[in-house]
Amino acid sequence: MKKYNNIRFHINRLMKFLKFNNKEDYVGIIFFIIGIIFLLITSYIELSKLGVWADEIYSLAMIKMPLNDFISYSINDVHPILYYVFLKIFCKIFYFIDLTLTGKIFSLIPILLIGILSITKIKKNFGMLTAGIFFFCICSMPRILTSALEVRMYSWGLFFITTSLIFAYEITNNPNWKKWTILTVLTILSIYTHYFSAIASFSIYLVMLIYIIRKDKKLLKNWIISAIICIIAYIPWLPITYGQILNVNTTYWIAPISINTVISYIYYIFSPAYQAIRNNELASPTILGTLLFVSFIYLYYRNKDEFTTNTLLIFILVPSIGIIVSLISQPIFHIRYIIPVIGCMWLVFSIFLAKSFENLKVFIPITILILIIGILGIFACMPIHNQDVATTEIEHDYISNMGENNVIIINYANAYFPLFKYYAPNNHHFMYNPSDSNLNDFLNNPDIIYYKNTGSKIYYVDNIDMNETYAESGFNFTEIPTNEATIGYKIYEIIY
């Protein structure tokens, strides 16, 4: 009996903290709990069997590197450095856990933080129903959670931008230095996480400035101070940003943007993730995606106000800037870059749906629709995950044929260096650039000769037929065979 009374006491304390006063609050907590269930299911699927794709392998290979190489590759990457630094520190702390698992858990942390943000700040500002719907959307709507379980920076960008938006909203209603400080810090973290996360932060400050000029000029001084601090904080990285921009040349992998690409963006956001969109694939139109998109437009028409309109403007600015730059210069925007700002859109959707609670003819059908899309999304992502698991096993089995303590030479023109750093870490890796030297001279490198004389085998990785290309070299290239069609490169053992 005493144990029962203690449980009831703690439940009452929790209910008092959450302040459930009406049926909207109870429906909100039901949404929140369903969101947790979706989070647990998706996490179990993704973490019970580990599969990684090329970008994740790059992240993991980066943090395996010695500090000097790590800094060098971070500078020569096309993203800011902060995510890699935090990931490296996190994996060092939890060194006793599998590296890939640790990386995926690190990317899951922001979703848990968004859950805390929902039950506190979003609940306080918009009510428990909005908070519950929002967290459910974060945990179930297309692409978000699969991105959150990738060893990449998008989930952290999502957390920084969503939290920045909430604090920007609170500043316009009840400003103080604490809120300005938090917004400034979040913005600095955002701009060092991803360049399109930085554009999202810029959009928040731009829309906030327009609001301040129109409605509350007393906030302008603090806005300027905050903006200047963010700019000063970013100055040390500006030269590196310039160098990374120069590295993104006309041969960058993103395809030109067309009308079909823009239509694909809509279905990427609203349709169940039936296919992986990692390169230049286009998301196919679906009936469910169309219904959800139309529902969003309808809810906006019925419930829009200044905050939701401004928030939607922030969301739209990010892909718009990406598309404009891509059309003027060269393609630089991929739809997954929208993930950091997508929380803004789902917050608007959640506010609209919560406002429609009393209109059951609207609330119930749309609720059923998002539940169906969320459930189908779980089933849709499973084949993608299974393919990643299978590819990971194939890559590992093939590359492990090289053993350890050997020399692996990789053609500079190909993107295989991170792959072999990840799957074959206990070897000596070299990058060979044919435009800098001929292969004969490179293979007579004193370091390579030393490793060869101490018993190391010499391997060369490329996607060409080495025996035809270097027929006159005098070296014997013995290909390590594979029957797997997914392997796009060849491994040769060099005998000389």
Protein backbone atom coordinates (compact mmCIF):
# COMPACT_ATOMS: atom_id res chain seq x y z
CA MET A 1 0.00 0.00 0.00
CA LYS A 2 2.84 2.34 0.87
CA LYS A 3 4.54 1.57 -2.44
CA TYR A 4 1.27 2.31 -4.29
CA ASN A 5 0.88 5.64 -2.47
CA ASN A 6 4.46 6.62 -3.40
CA ILE A 7 3.79 5.87 -7.07
CA ARG A 8 0.57 7.86 -6.97
CA PHE A 9 2.39 10.74 -5.24
CA HIS A 10 5.04 10.91 -7.99
CA ILE A 11 2.42 10.68 -10.74
CA ASN A 12 0.51 13.56 -9.13
CA ARG A 13 3.70 15.62 -8.95
CA LEU A 14 4.39 14.95 -12.63
CA MET A 15 0.83 15.87 -13.58
CA LYS A 16 1.10 19.05 -11.52
CA PHE A 17 4.34 19.95 -13.28
CA LEU A 18 2.81 19.32 -16.68
CA LYS A 19 -0.39 21.13 -15.67
CA PHE A 20 -2.90 18.95 -17.48
CA ASN A 21 -6.07 20.98 -17.06
CA ASN A 22 -8.22 19.97 -20.03
CA LYS A 23 -8.74 17.38 -22.72
CA GLU A 24 -6.39 19.19 -25.12
CA ASP A 25 -3.54 18.62 -22.68
CA TYR A 26 -4.35 14.92 -22.40
CA VAL A 27 -4.52 14.53 -26.17
CA GLY A 28 -1.19 16.36 -26.37
CA ILE A 29 0.48 13.93 -23.96
CA ILE A 30 -0.95 11.02 -25.96
CA PHE A 31 0.70 12.45 -29.08
CA PHE A 32 3.92 12.89 -27.12
CA ILE A 33 3.86 9.27 -25.93
CA ILE A 34 3.13 8.01 -29.46
CA GLY A 35 6.14 10.06 -30.61
CA ILE A 36 8.29 8.29 -28.01
CA ILE A 37 7.00 4.93 -29.29
CA PHE A 38 7.92 5.87 -32.87
CA LEU A 39 11.33 7.01 -31.65
CA LEU A 40 11.93 3.71 -29.85
CA ILE A 41 10.82 1.59 -32.81
CA THR A 42 12.91 3.47 -35.36
CA SER A 43 15.92 3.53 -33.03
CA TYR A 44 15.65 -0.23 -32.49
CA ILE A 45 15.52 -0.85 -36.24
CA GLU A 46 18.51 1.40 -36.94
CA LEU A 47 20.67 0.39 -33.96
CA SER A 48 20.04 -3.36 -33.69
CA LYS A 49 21.85 -3.91 -37.01
CA LEU A 50 24.29 -1.22 -38.03
CA GLY A 51 24.53 -0.07 -41.61
CA VAL A 52 26.31 3.00 -42.93
CA TRP A 53 26.50 4.76 -46.27
CA ALA A 54 29.21 6.89 -47.85
CA ASP A 55 28.70 10.15 -45.94
CA GLU A 56 28.51 8.34 -42.60
CA ILE A 57 31.69 6.46 -43.45
CA TYR A 58 33.35 9.81 -44.11
CA SER A 59 32.33 11.05 -40.64
CA LEU A 60 33.60 7.89 -38.94
CA ALA A 61 36.82 7.83 -40.95
CA MET A 62 37.46 11.46 -40.00
CA ILE A 63 37.30 10.86 -36.28
CA LYS A 64 39.62 7.84 -36.58
CA MET A 65 42.35 10.04 -38.00
CA PRO A 66 45.24 11.44 -35.95
CA LEU A 67 44.67 15.05 -34.92
CA ASN A 68 46.80 16.61 -37.70
CA ASP A 69 45.06 14.59 -40.42
CA PHE A 70 41.69 15.27 -38.77
CA ILE A 71 42.22 19.03 -38.93
CA SER A 72 43.51 18.85 -42.50
CA TYR A 73 40.53 16.85 -43.75
CA SER A 74 38.08 19.04 -41.82
CA ILE A 75 39.47 22.12 -43.52
CA ASN A 76 39.29 20.48 -46.95
CA ASP A 77 35.74 19.21 -46.41
CA VAL A 78 32.65 21.10 -47.64
CA HIS A 79 31.16 21.52 -44.15
CA PRO A 80 32.16 23.45 -41.00
CA ILE A 81 34.17 21.62 -38.36
CA LEU A 82 32.05 21.74 -35.19
CA TYR A 83 30.12 18.50 -35.69
CA TYR A 84 33.29 16.52 -36.35
CA VAL A 85 34.98 17.99 -33.26
CA PHE A 86 32.04 17.14 -30.99
CA LEU A 87 31.70 13.68 -32.53
CA LYS A 88 35.40 12.97 -32.02
CA ILE A 89 35.21 14.06 -28.38
CA PHE A 90 32.04 12.00 -27.79
CA CYS A 91 33.58 8.88 -29.32
CA LYS A 92 36.75 9.36 -27.26
CA ILE A 93 34.67 9.50 -24.08
CA PHE A 94 32.72 6.37 -25.02
CA TYR A 95 35.69 4.56 -26.59
CA PHE A 96 34.51 1.26 -25.10
CA ILE A 97 31.38 1.24 -27.31
CA ASP A 98 31.38 0.26 -30.99
CA LEU A 99 32.41 3.34 -32.98
CA THR A 100 29.51 3.22 -35.45
CA LEU A 101 26.97 2.71 -32.67
CA THR A 102 28.48 5.62 -30.73
CA GLY A 103 28.25 7.86 -33.79
CA LYS A 104 24.58 7.03 -34.32
CA ILE A 105 23.75 7.56 -30.64
CA PHE A 106 25.47 10.95 -30.82
CA SER A 107 23.17 11.91 -33.71
CA LEU A 108 20.12 10.73 -31.74
CA ILE A 109 20.82 13.00 -28.75
CA PRO A 110 19.37 16.15 -30.43
CA ILE A 111 16.02 14.39 -30.92
CA LEU A 112 15.92 13.66 -27.19
CA LEU A 113 16.76 17.30 -26.52
CA ILE A 114 13.93 18.37 -28.84
CA GLY A 115 11.65 16.14 -26.73
CA ILE A 116 12.72 18.10 -23.64
CA LEU A 117 12.27 21.36 -25.55
CA SER A 118 8.74 20.27 -26.51
CA ILE A 119 7.63 19.38 -23.00
CA THR A 120 9.05 22.62 -21.59
CA LYS A 121 9.40 25.64 -23.88
CA ILE A 122 6.97 24.68 -26.63
CA LYS A 123 4.38 23.57 -24.08
CA LYS A 124 4.81 26.84 -22.18
CA ASN A 125 4.43 29.02 -25.27
CA PHE A 126 1.92 27.10 -27.37
CA GLY A 127 0.27 24.52 -25.12
CA MET A 128 0.65 20.80 -24.51
CA LEU A 129 -1.36 19.83 -27.57
CA THR A 130 0.99 21.70 -29.89
CA ALA A 131 4.01 20.32 -28.00
CA GLY A 132 2.73 16.75 -28.29
CA ILE A 133 1.86 17.00 -31.99
CA PHE A 134 5.23 18.63 -32.70
CA PHE A 135 7.27 15.93 -30.98
CA PHE A 136 5.19 13.27 -32.72
CA CYS A 137 5.95 14.91 -36.08
CA ILE A 138 9.67 15.10 -35.29
CA CYS A 139 9.66 11.37 -34.48
CA SER A 140 7.46 10.14 -37.31
CA MET A 141 7.28 12.43 -40.29
CA PRO A 142 9.27 11.54 -43.42
CA ARG A 143 13.06 11.75 -43.46
CA ILE A 144 13.58 13.39 -40.07
CA LEU A 145 14.31 10.40 -37.86
CA THR A 146 16.24 8.47 -40.50
CA SER A 147 18.48 11.54 -40.84
CA ALA A 148 18.71 11.76 -37.05
CA LEU A 149 20.17 8.26 -36.89
CA GLU A 150 22.80 8.94 -39.54
CA VAL A 151 26.33 9.74 -38.43
CA ARG A 152 26.00 13.26 -39.82
CA MET A 153 25.33 16.76 -38.53
CA TYR A 154 21.74 17.31 -39.65
CA SER A 155 20.00 16.39 -36.39
CA TRP A 156 22.23 18.78 -34.45
CA GLY A 157 21.41 21.53 -36.95
CA LEU A 158 17.73 20.68 -36.44
CA PHE A 159 18.05 21.11 -32.68
CA PHE A 160 20.02 24.37 -32.89
CA ILE A 161 17.59 25.97 -35.38
CA THR A 162 14.39 24.79 -33.67
CA THR A 163 15.62 26.01 -30.28
CA SER A 164 16.81 29.30 -31.81
CA LEU A 165 13.33 29.86 -33.23
CA ILE A 166 11.69 29.31 -29.83
CA PHE A 167 14.06 31.73 -28.10
CA ALA A 168 13.61 34.31 -30.87
CA TYR A 169 9.86 34.04 -30.29
CA GLU A 170 10.27 34.47 -26.53
CA ILE A 171 12.54 37.48 -27.05
CA THR A 172 9.86 39.25 -29.08
CA ASN A 173 7.35 38.63 -26.29
CA ASN A 174 9.39 38.96 -23.10
CA PRO A 175 13.03 39.88 -23.81
CA ASN A 176 15.93 39.59 -21.37
CA TRP A 177 19.69 39.17 -21.59
CA LYS A 178 19.56 35.48 -20.77
CA LYS A 179 17.39 34.76 -23.81
CA TRP A 180 19.55 36.95 -26.07
CA THR A 181 22.65 35.15 -24.84
CA ILE A 182 21.17 31.70 -25.47
CA LEU A 183 20.02 32.73 -28.97
CA THR A 184 23.49 34.08 -29.75
CA VAL A 185 25.24 30.91 -28.57
CA LEU A 186 22.80 28.69 -30.49
CA THR A 187 23.41 30.74 -33.63
CA ILE A 188 27.18 30.40 -33.33
CA LEU A 189 26.81 26.64 -32.86
CA SER A 190 24.49 26.52 -35.86
CA ILE A 191 26.76 28.39 -38.26
CA TYR A 192 29.67 26.11 -37.33
CA THR A 193 27.55 22.96 -37.86
CA HIS A 194 26.37 23.20 -41.49
CA TYR A 195 26.29 25.98 -44.07
CA PHE A 196 22.55 25.60 -44.67
CA SER A 197 22.05 25.57 -40.93
CA ALA A 198 23.89 28.91 -41.01
CA ILE A 199 21.49 30.11 -43.72
CA ALA A 200 18.60 29.08 -41.47
CA SER A 201 20.09 31.12 -38.62
CA PHE A 202 20.54 34.05 -40.99
CA SER A 203 16.87 33.70 -41.97
CA ILE A 204 15.79 33.78 -38.32
CA TYR A 205 17.77 36.98 -37.71
CA LEU A 206 16.50 38.54 -40.94
CA VAL A 207 12.84 37.86 -40.21
CA MET A 208 13.38 38.93 -36.60
CA LEU A 209 14.89 42.22 -37.81
CA ILE A 210 11.90 42.90 -40.04
CA TYR A 211 9.58 42.24 -37.09
CA ILE A 212 11.63 44.51 -34.78
CA ILE A 213 11.63 47.40 -37.26
CA ARG A 214 7.88 47.04 -37.74
CA LYS A 215 6.73 46.31 -34.20
CA ASP A 216 9.32 46.86 -31.44
CA LYS A 217 12.35 49.05 -32.19
CA LYS A 218 13.49 48.80 -28.55
CA LEU A 219 14.88 45.37 -29.42
CA LEU A 220 17.06 46.69 -32.26
CA LYS A 221 20.10 47.50 -30.10
CA ASN A 222 20.32 44.00 -28.65
CA TRP A 223 19.68 42.49 -32.07
CA ILE A 224 22.67 44.40 -33.47
CA ILE A 225 24.88 43.35 -30.56
CA SER A 226 23.88 39.71 -30.97
CA ALA A 227 24.43 39.80 -34.74
CA ILE A 228 27.86 41.43 -34.35
CA ILE A 229 28.95 38.80 -31.81
CA CYS A 230 27.90 36.03 -34.21
CA ILE A 231 29.82 37.65 -37.07
CA ILE A 232 32.96 38.11 -34.96
CA ALA A 233 32.72 34.49 -33.78
CA TYR A 234 32.66 33.33 -37.40
CA ILE A 235 35.54 35.46 -38.69
CA PRO A 236 38.25 32.85 -37.87
CA TRP A 237 36.48 30.34 -40.14
CA LEU A 238 35.89 32.75 -43.05
CA PRO A 239 39.17 32.00 -44.91
CA ILE A 240 38.43 28.29 -44.65
CA THR A 241 34.88 28.86 -45.90
CA TYR A 242 36.34 30.68 -48.91
CA GLY A 243 38.70 27.78 -49.61
CA GLN A 244 35.87 25.26 -49.31
CA ILE A 245 33.76 27.29 -51.73
CA LEU A 246 36.62 27.20 -54.25
CA ASN A 247 36.82 23.42 -53.81
CA VAL A 248 33.17 23.12 -54.83
CA ASN A 249 33.91 23.40 -58.54
CA THR A 250 31.79 22.84 -61.62
CA THR A 251 32.16 19.07 -61.28
CA TYR A 252 30.37 19.05 -57.89
CA TRP A 253 28.09 16.04 -57.60
CA ILE A 254 24.72 17.81 -57.20
CA ALA A 255 22.66 17.81 -60.41
CA PRO A 256 21.11 20.98 -61.90
CA ILE A 257 17.84 22.03 -60.28
CA SER A 258 14.69 21.83 -62.41
CA ILE A 259 10.93 22.08 -61.86
CA ASN A 260 10.86 18.31 -61.24
CA THR A 261 13.55 18.74 -58.58
CA VAL A 262 11.47 21.36 -56.75
CA ILE A 263 8.36 19.16 -56.93
CA SER A 264 10.49 16.34 -55.53
CA TYR A 265 11.35 18.58 -52.55
CA ILE A 266 7.65 18.71 -51.59
CA TYR A 267 7.26 14.94 -51.63
CA TYR A 268 10.57 14.50 -49.80
CA ILE A 269 9.02 16.44 -46.91
CA PHE A 270 5.47 15.04 -46.93
CA SER A 271 5.66 11.48 -48.34
CA PRO A 272 6.79 8.29 -46.57
CA ALA A 273 10.47 7.65 -47.34
CA TYR A 274 10.05 4.85 -49.85
CA GLN A 275 13.46 5.50 -51.40
CA ALA A 276 16.81 6.80 -50.25
CA ILE A 277 17.44 10.33 -51.53
CA ARG A 278 21.20 10.60 -51.13
CA ASN A 279 22.55 11.55 -54.51
CA ASN A 280 20.46 12.95 -57.34
CA GLU A 281 17.40 10.77 -56.95
CA LEU A 282 13.99 12.46 -57.03
CA ALA A 283 11.25 11.70 -54.51
CA SER A 284 8.25 10.28 -56.35
CA PRO A 285 4.79 11.87 -55.97
CA THR A 286 2.41 9.94 -53.70
CA ILE A 287 -1.27 10.26 -52.85
CA LEU A 288 -0.51 10.48 -49.12
CA GLY A 289 2.13 13.14 -49.69
CA THR A 290 -0.29 15.16 -51.79
CA LEU A 291 -3.02 14.88 -49.14
CA LEU A 292 -0.69 16.01 -46.36
CA PHE A 293 0.63 18.92 -48.45
CA VAL A 294 -2.92 20.03 -49.28
CA SER A 295 -3.87 19.67 -45.60
CA PHE A 296 -0.98 21.92 -44.63
CA ILE A 297 -2.05 24.59 -47.11
CA TYR A 298 -5.65 24.36 -45.85
CA LEU A 299 -4.56 24.67 -42.20
CA TYR A 300 -2.42 27.68 -43.06
CA TYR A 301 -5.30 29.37 -44.85
CA ARG A 302 -7.61 28.82 -41.86
CA ASN A 303 -5.24 29.52 -38.95
CA LYS A 304 -2.35 31.74 -40.07
CA ASP A 305 -1.09 34.53 -37.83
CA GLU A 306 2.03 36.68 -37.73
CA PHE A 307 4.27 34.18 -35.91
CA THR A 308 3.35 31.19 -38.09
CA THR A 309 3.69 33.26 -41.25
CA ASN A 310 7.12 34.53 -40.17
CA THR A 311 8.20 31.01 -39.21
CA LEU A 312 7.05 29.64 -42.54
CA LEU A 313 9.01 32.44 -44.24
CA ILE A 314 12.14 31.32 -42.36
CA PHE A 315 11.55 27.78 -43.57
CA ILE A 316 10.99 28.82 -47.19
CA LEU A 317 14.03 31.12 -47.28
CA VAL A 318 16.49 28.24 -46.81
CA PRO A 319 15.65 26.22 -49.95
CA SER A 320 14.91 29.44 -51.85
CA ILE A 321 18.42 30.78 -51.20
CA GLY A 322 19.86 27.36 -52.07
CA ILE A 323 17.91 27.21 -55.34
CA ILE A 324 18.76 30.80 -56.35
CA VAL A 325 22.50 30.28 -55.75
CA SER A 326 22.33 26.95 -57.60
CA LEU A 327 20.70 28.59 -60.63
CA ILE A 328 23.02 31.61 -60.68
CA SER A 329 26.28 29.80 -59.98
CA GLN A 330 26.24 26.00 -59.84
CA PRO A 331 24.11 23.40 -58.06
CA ILE A 332 24.93 23.41 -54.33
CA PHE A 333 21.57 22.63 -52.71
CA HIS A 334 20.44 19.09 -51.90
CA ILE A 335 17.07 18.50 -50.29
CA ARG A 336 18.56 16.85 -47.20
CA TYR A 337 20.09 20.24 -46.37
CA ILE A 338 16.57 21.31 -45.41
CA ILE A 339 16.55 19.02 -42.35
CA PRO A 340 18.00 21.64 -39.94
CA VAL A 341 15.12 24.06 -40.66
CA ILE A 342 12.35 21.48 -41.11
CA GLY A 343 11.45 21.72 -37.41
CA CYS A 344 10.17 25.24 -38.12
CA MET A 345 7.69 23.90 -40.65
CA TRP A 346 6.43 21.09 -38.40
CA LEU A 347 6.04 23.55 -35.52
CA VAL A 348 3.78 25.67 -37.74
CA PHE A 349 1.84 22.55 -38.73
CA SER A 350 1.50 21.53 -35.06
CA ILE A 351 0.20 24.97 -34.06
CA PHE A 352 -2.35 24.89 -36.87
CA LEU A 353 -3.56 21.37 -36.06
CA ALA A 354 -3.84 22.22 -32.36
CA LYS A 355 -5.95 25.28 -33.24
CA SER A 356 -8.29 22.95 -35.16
CA PHE A 357 -8.87 20.70 -32.15
CA GLU A 358 -12.47 21.76 -31.63
CA ASN A 359 -13.27 21.21 -35.30
CA LEU A 360 -13.26 17.40 -35.27
CA LYS A 361 -14.11 17.21 -38.98
CA VAL A 362 -10.69 18.73 -39.63
CA PHE A 363 -8.68 17.49 -36.64
CA ILE A 364 -9.53 13.78 -36.84
CA PRO A 365 -8.91 13.19 -40.60
CA ILE A 366 -5.57 15.04 -40.53
CA THR A 367 -4.55 13.21 -37.35
CA ILE A 368 -5.36 9.88 -39.00
CA LEU A 369 -3.42 10.97 -42.08
CA ILE A 370 -0.22 11.79 -40.17
CA LEU A 371 -0.54 8.57 -38.15
CA ILE A 372 -0.80 6.55 -41.38
CA ILE A 373 2.17 8.36 -42.93
CA GLY A 374 4.18 7.85 -39.75
CA ILE A 375 3.39 4.11 -39.60
CA LEU A 376 4.09 3.61 -43.31
CA GLY A 377 7.29 5.60 -42.85
CA ILE A 378 8.61 2.99 -40.43
CA PHE A 379 7.93 0.19 -42.90
CA ALA A 380 9.28 2.28 -45.78
CA CYS A 381 12.63 2.96 -44.11
CA MET A 382 13.29 -0.69 -43.27
CA PRO A 383 14.36 -1.75 -46.81
CA ILE A 384 16.66 1.27 -47.02
CA HIS A 385 18.23 0.34 -43.69
CA ASN A 386 18.54 -3.32 -44.67
CA GLN A 387 20.30 -2.31 -47.87
CA ASP A 388 22.76 -0.21 -45.87
CA VAL A 389 23.41 -3.18 -43.58
CA ALA A 390 23.96 -5.50 -46.54
CA THR A 391 26.27 -3.02 -48.29
CA THR A 392 28.24 -2.51 -45.09
CA GLU A 393 28.78 -6.27 -44.77
CA ILE A 394 29.81 -6.58 -48.43
CA GLU A 395 32.30 -3.70 -48.20
CA HIS A 396 33.75 -5.06 -44.97
CA ASP A 397 34.16 -8.59 -46.33
CA TYR A 398 35.84 -7.40 -49.52
CA ILE A 399 38.20 -4.89 -47.97
CA SER A 400 39.13 -7.18 -45.07
CA ASN A 401 40.85 -9.45 -47.63
CA MET A 402 43.80 -7.06 -47.47
CA GLY A 403 44.56 -7.90 -43.84
CA GLU A 404 46.49 -5.51 -41.61
CA ASN A 405 49.80 -3.63 -41.54
CA ASN A 406 49.86 -3.37 -45.32
CA VAL A 407 50.14 -0.41 -47.68
CA ILE A 408 46.95 0.84 -49.37
CA ILE A 409 47.41 3.34 -52.21
CA ILE A 410 44.29 5.14 -53.39
CA ASN A 411 43.87 7.23 -56.52
CA TYR A 412 43.48 10.88 -55.49
CA ALA A 413 40.69 11.40 -58.04
CA ASN A 414 38.36 8.91 -56.33
CA ALA A 415 36.46 9.28 -53.05
CA TYR A 416 37.56 5.96 -51.59
CA PHE A 417 40.05 7.21 -49.01
CA PRO A 418 37.50 7.49 -46.13
CA LEU A 419 36.09 4.08 -47.10
CA PHE A 420 39.43 2.36 -46.58
CA LYS A 421 40.30 4.37 -43.49
CA TYR A 422 37.03 3.11 -42.01
CA TYR A 423 37.08 -0.54 -43.08
CA ALA A 424 40.85 -1.07 -43.01
CA PRO A 425 42.14 1.26 -40.29
CA ASN A 426 45.15 -0.82 -39.26
CA ASN A 427 47.04 -0.22 -42.49
CA HIS A 428 49.24 2.45 -44.03
CA HIS A 429 47.18 4.68 -46.34
CA PHE A 430 48.60 6.76 -49.17
CA MET A 431 46.94 9.08 -51.68
CA TYR A 432 48.34 8.97 -55.21
CA ASN A 433 47.75 11.85 -57.62
CA PRO A 434 48.76 10.82 -61.18
CA SER A 435 49.16 14.49 -62.14
CA ASP A 436 51.90 14.97 -59.53
CA SER A 437 54.12 11.98 -60.32
CA ASN A 438 54.20 8.75 -62.26
CA LEU A 439 53.34 5.52 -60.51
CA ASN A 440 56.88 4.12 -60.76
CA ASP A 441 58.31 7.04 -58.81
CA PHE A 442 55.47 6.93 -56.30
CA LEU A 443 55.93 3.21 -55.59
CA ASN A 444 59.60 3.88 -54.93
CA ASN A 445 58.66 6.30 -52.16
CA PRO A 446 61.05 5.58 -49.25
CA ASP A 447 58.18 5.04 -46.82
CA ILE A 448 56.47 2.53 -49.13
CA ILE A 449 59.78 0.73 -49.76
CA TYR A 450 60.36 0.56 -46.01
CA TYR A 451 56.95 -0.99 -45.35
CA LYS A 452 57.48 -3.41 -48.26
CA ASN A 453 60.85 -4.51 -46.91
CA THR A 454 59.35 -5.10 -43.45
CA GLY A 455 56.76 -7.51 -44.84
CA SER A 456 53.85 -5.29 -45.86
CA LYS A 457 51.90 -6.07 -49.00
CA ILE A 458 51.25 -3.23 -51.43
CA TYR A 459 47.68 -2.64 -52.64
CA TYR A 460 46.28 -0.16 -55.12
CA VAL A 461 42.63 0.97 -55.25
CA ASP A 462 41.01 2.43 -58.35
CA ASN A 463 38.00 1.96 -60.62
CA ILE A 464 40.04 1.23 -63.75
CA ASP A 465 41.84 -1.78 -65.23
CA MET A 466 45.35 -1.29 -63.90
CA ASN A 467 46.97 -3.92 -66.14
CA GLU A 468 45.78 -2.05 -69.25
CA THR A 469 46.52 1.43 -67.92
CA TYR A 470 50.00 0.64 -66.60
CA ALA A 471 50.98 -2.14 -69.02
CA GLU A 472 54.46 -0.67 -69.51
CA SER A 473 55.16 -0.04 -65.84
CA GLY A 474 56.82 -3.36 -65.16
CA PHE A 475 54.60 -4.02 -62.16
CA ASN A 476 52.24 -6.95 -61.83
CA PHE A 477 48.73 -5.95 -60.73
CA THR A 478 46.81 -8.90 -59.28
CA GLU A 479 43.14 -8.05 -58.82
CA ILE A 480 41.39 -9.24 -55.68
CA PRO A 481 38.16 -10.60 -57.19
CA THR A 482 34.62 -9.93 -56.08
CA ASN A 483 31.27 -11.05 -57.47
CA GLU A 484 29.38 -8.20 -55.86
CA ALA A 485 27.90 -5.78 -58.40
CA THR A 486 27.62 -3.03 -55.75
CA ILE A 487 31.42 -2.76 -55.49
CA GLY A 488 32.38 0.15 -57.74
CA TYR A 489 36.16 -0.09 -57.33
CA LYS A 490 38.91 -2.66 -57.75
CA ILE A 491 41.62 -3.69 -55.32
CA TYR A 492 44.95 -4.78 -56.80
CA GLU A 493 47.96 -6.29 -55.08
CA ILE A 494 51.11 -4.88 -56.67
CA ILE A 495 54.03 -7.28 -57.08
CA TYR A 496 57.44 -5.77 -57.75
